[in-house]
C-alpha atoms as a PDB file:
ATOM      1  CA  MET A   1       5.257  32.522  -9.777  1.00  0.00           C
ATOM      2  CA  ARG A   2       8.611  30.928  -9.028  1.00  0.00           C
ATOM      3  CA  ARG A   3       8.897  27.597  -7.349  1.00  0.00           C
ATOM      4  CA  ARG A   4      11.053  27.478  -4.293  1.00  0.00           C
ATOM      5  CA  PRO A   5      13.850  24.953  -4.430  1.00  0.00           C
ATOM      6  CA  ARG A   6      13.195  21.837  -2.420  1.00  0.00           C
ATOM      7  CA  SER A   7      14.944  21.707   0.871  1.00  0.00           C
ATOM      8  CA  PRO A   8      17.068  18.621   1.474  1.00  0.00           C
ATOM      9  CA  PRO A   9      15.305  15.748   3.257  1.00  0.00           C
ATOM     10  CA  GLY A  10      15.588  15.717   7.008  1.00  0.00           C
ATOM     11  CA  PRO A  11      17.347  13.105   9.115  1.00  0.00           C
ATOM     12  CA  LEU A  12      14.166  11.079   9.689  1.00  0.00           C
ATOM     13  CA  PHE A  13      13.585  10.781   5.946  1.00  0.00           C
ATOM     14  CA  GLU A  14      17.187   9.728   5.419  1.00  0.00           C
ATOM     15  CA  GLU A  15      16.903   7.081   8.141  1.00  0.00           C
ATOM     16  CA  LEU A  16      13.670   5.712   6.652  1.00  0.00           C
ATOM     17  CA  THR A  17      15.307   5.627   3.220  1.00  0.00           C
ATOM     18  CA  GLN A  18      18.209   3.595   4.590  1.00  0.00           C
ATOM     19  CA  LEU A  19      15.839   1.168   6.302  1.00  0.00           C
ATOM     20  CA  ALA A  20      13.781   0.718   3.138  1.00  0.00           C
ATOM     21  CA  GLU A  21      16.825   0.246   0.931  1.00  0.00           C
ATOM     22  CA  GLY A  22      18.261  -2.232   3.433  1.00  0.00           C
ATOM     23  CA  GLY A  23      15.108  -4.363   3.270  1.00  0.00           C
ATOM     24  CA  TYR A  24      14.077  -3.667   6.857  1.00  0.00           C
ATOM     25  CA  LEU A  25      10.682  -2.207   5.962  1.00  0.00           C
ATOM     26  CA  GLU A  26       8.017  -4.395   4.465  1.00  0.00           C
ATOM     27  CA  PRO A  27       4.538  -3.343   3.320  1.00  0.00           C
ATOM     28  CA  VAL A  28       1.619  -5.174   4.890  1.00  0.00           C
ATOM     29  CA  VAL A  29      -0.986  -6.247   2.320  1.00  0.00           C
ATOM     30  CA  ASP A  30      -4.440  -6.847   3.791  1.00  0.00           C
ATOM     31  CA  ARG A  31      -6.127  -8.112   0.616  1.00  0.00           C
ATOM     32  CA  THR A  32      -5.676  -8.246  -3.142  1.00  0.00           C
ATOM     33  CA  PHE A  33      -8.579  -7.663  -5.512  1.00  0.00           C
ATOM     34  CA  PRO A  34      -8.782  -7.995  -9.295  1.00  0.00           C
ATOM     35  CA  LEU A  35      -9.748  -4.798 -11.105  1.00  0.00           C
ATOM     36  CA  ALA A  36     -13.157  -6.312 -11.912  1.00  0.00           C
ATOM     37  CA  GLU A  37     -13.979  -6.167  -8.171  1.00  0.00           C
ATOM     38  CA  ILE A  38     -13.148  -2.491  -7.668  1.00  0.00           C
ATOM     39  CA  GLY A  39     -16.538  -1.965  -5.998  1.00  0.00           C
ATOM     40  CA  GLU A  40     -15.566  -4.481  -3.325  1.00  0.00           C
ATOM     41  CA  VAL A  41     -12.422  -2.455  -2.656  1.00  0.00           C
ATOM     42  CA  GLN A  42     -14.504   0.624  -1.918  1.00  0.00           C
ATOM     43  CA  ALA A  43     -16.863  -1.397   0.288  1.00  0.00           C
ATOM     44  CA  ALA A  44     -13.943  -2.846   2.267  1.00  0.00           C
ATOM     45  CA  LEU A  45     -12.463   0.605   2.816  1.00  0.00           C
ATOM     46  CA  GLU A  46     -15.795   2.079   3.895  1.00  0.00           C
ATOM     47  CA  ALA A  47     -16.480  -0.837   6.257  1.00  0.00           C
ATOM     48  CA  GLY A  48     -13.170  -0.263   8.020  1.00  0.00           C
ATOM     49  CA  GLY A  49     -11.072  -2.899   9.689  1.00  0.00           C
ATOM     50  CA  VAL A  50      -8.465  -2.900   6.917  1.00  0.00           C
ATOM     51  CA  LEU A  51      -5.071  -3.671   8.406  1.00  0.00           C
ATOM     52  CA  GLY A  52      -2.486  -2.764   5.798  1.00  0.00           C
ATOM     53  CA  LYS A  53      -2.787  -1.954   2.138  1.00  0.00           C
ATOM     54  CA  ILE A  54      -5.388  -3.096  -0.331  1.00  0.00           C
ATOM     55  CA  VAL A  55      -3.866  -4.008  -3.681  1.00  0.00           C
ATOM     56  CA  VAL A  56      -5.808  -3.786  -6.937  1.00  0.00           C
ATOM     57  CA  ASP A  57      -4.251  -6.197  -9.409  1.00  0.00           C
ATOM     58  CA  LEU A  58      -4.618  -4.736 -12.883  1.00  0.00           C
ATOM     59  CA  GLY A  59      -3.545  -8.013 -14.495  1.00  0.00           C
ATOM     60  CA  GLN A  60      -6.222 -10.245 -12.996  1.00  0.00           C
ATOM     61  CA  ASP A  61      -9.601 -10.671 -14.642  1.00  0.00           C
ATOM     62  CA  SER A  62     -11.320 -13.722 -13.235  1.00  0.00           C
ATOM     63  CA  HIS A  63      -9.457 -14.515  -9.998  1.00  0.00           C
ATOM     64  CA  SER A  64     -11.256 -14.174  -6.718  1.00  0.00           C
ATOM     65  CA  THR A  65     -10.305 -11.998  -3.786  1.00  0.00           C
ATOM     66  CA  SER A  66      -7.375 -13.235  -1.755  1.00  0.00           C
ATOM     67  CA  GLU A  67      -6.728 -12.410   1.858  1.00  0.00           C
ATOM     68  CA  ALA A  68      -3.260 -12.219   3.292  1.00  0.00           C
ATOM     69  CA  PRO A  69      -2.686 -13.975   6.616  1.00  0.00           C
ATOM     70  CA  LEU A  70      -2.695 -11.642   9.585  1.00  0.00           C
ATOM     71  CA  ARG A  71       0.603 -11.026  11.320  1.00  0.00           C
ATOM     72  CA  ASN A  72       1.138 -10.897  15.026  1.00  0.00           C
END
């Protein structure tokens, strides 16, 4: 089976790329968890109410969960 060549990105994708490269888009981090607390990540996702991304820090071992301040 042959793969079809990818079509060029559309104008919306190009606009988003320009915004991201220009520093106009910023990810929103809800909370950061150390890898040792991966179960808490799943619980937070299942409970809902997560506003933004949850980050799992692979370099932390003994640090506690940190919460990012909410933005308005």
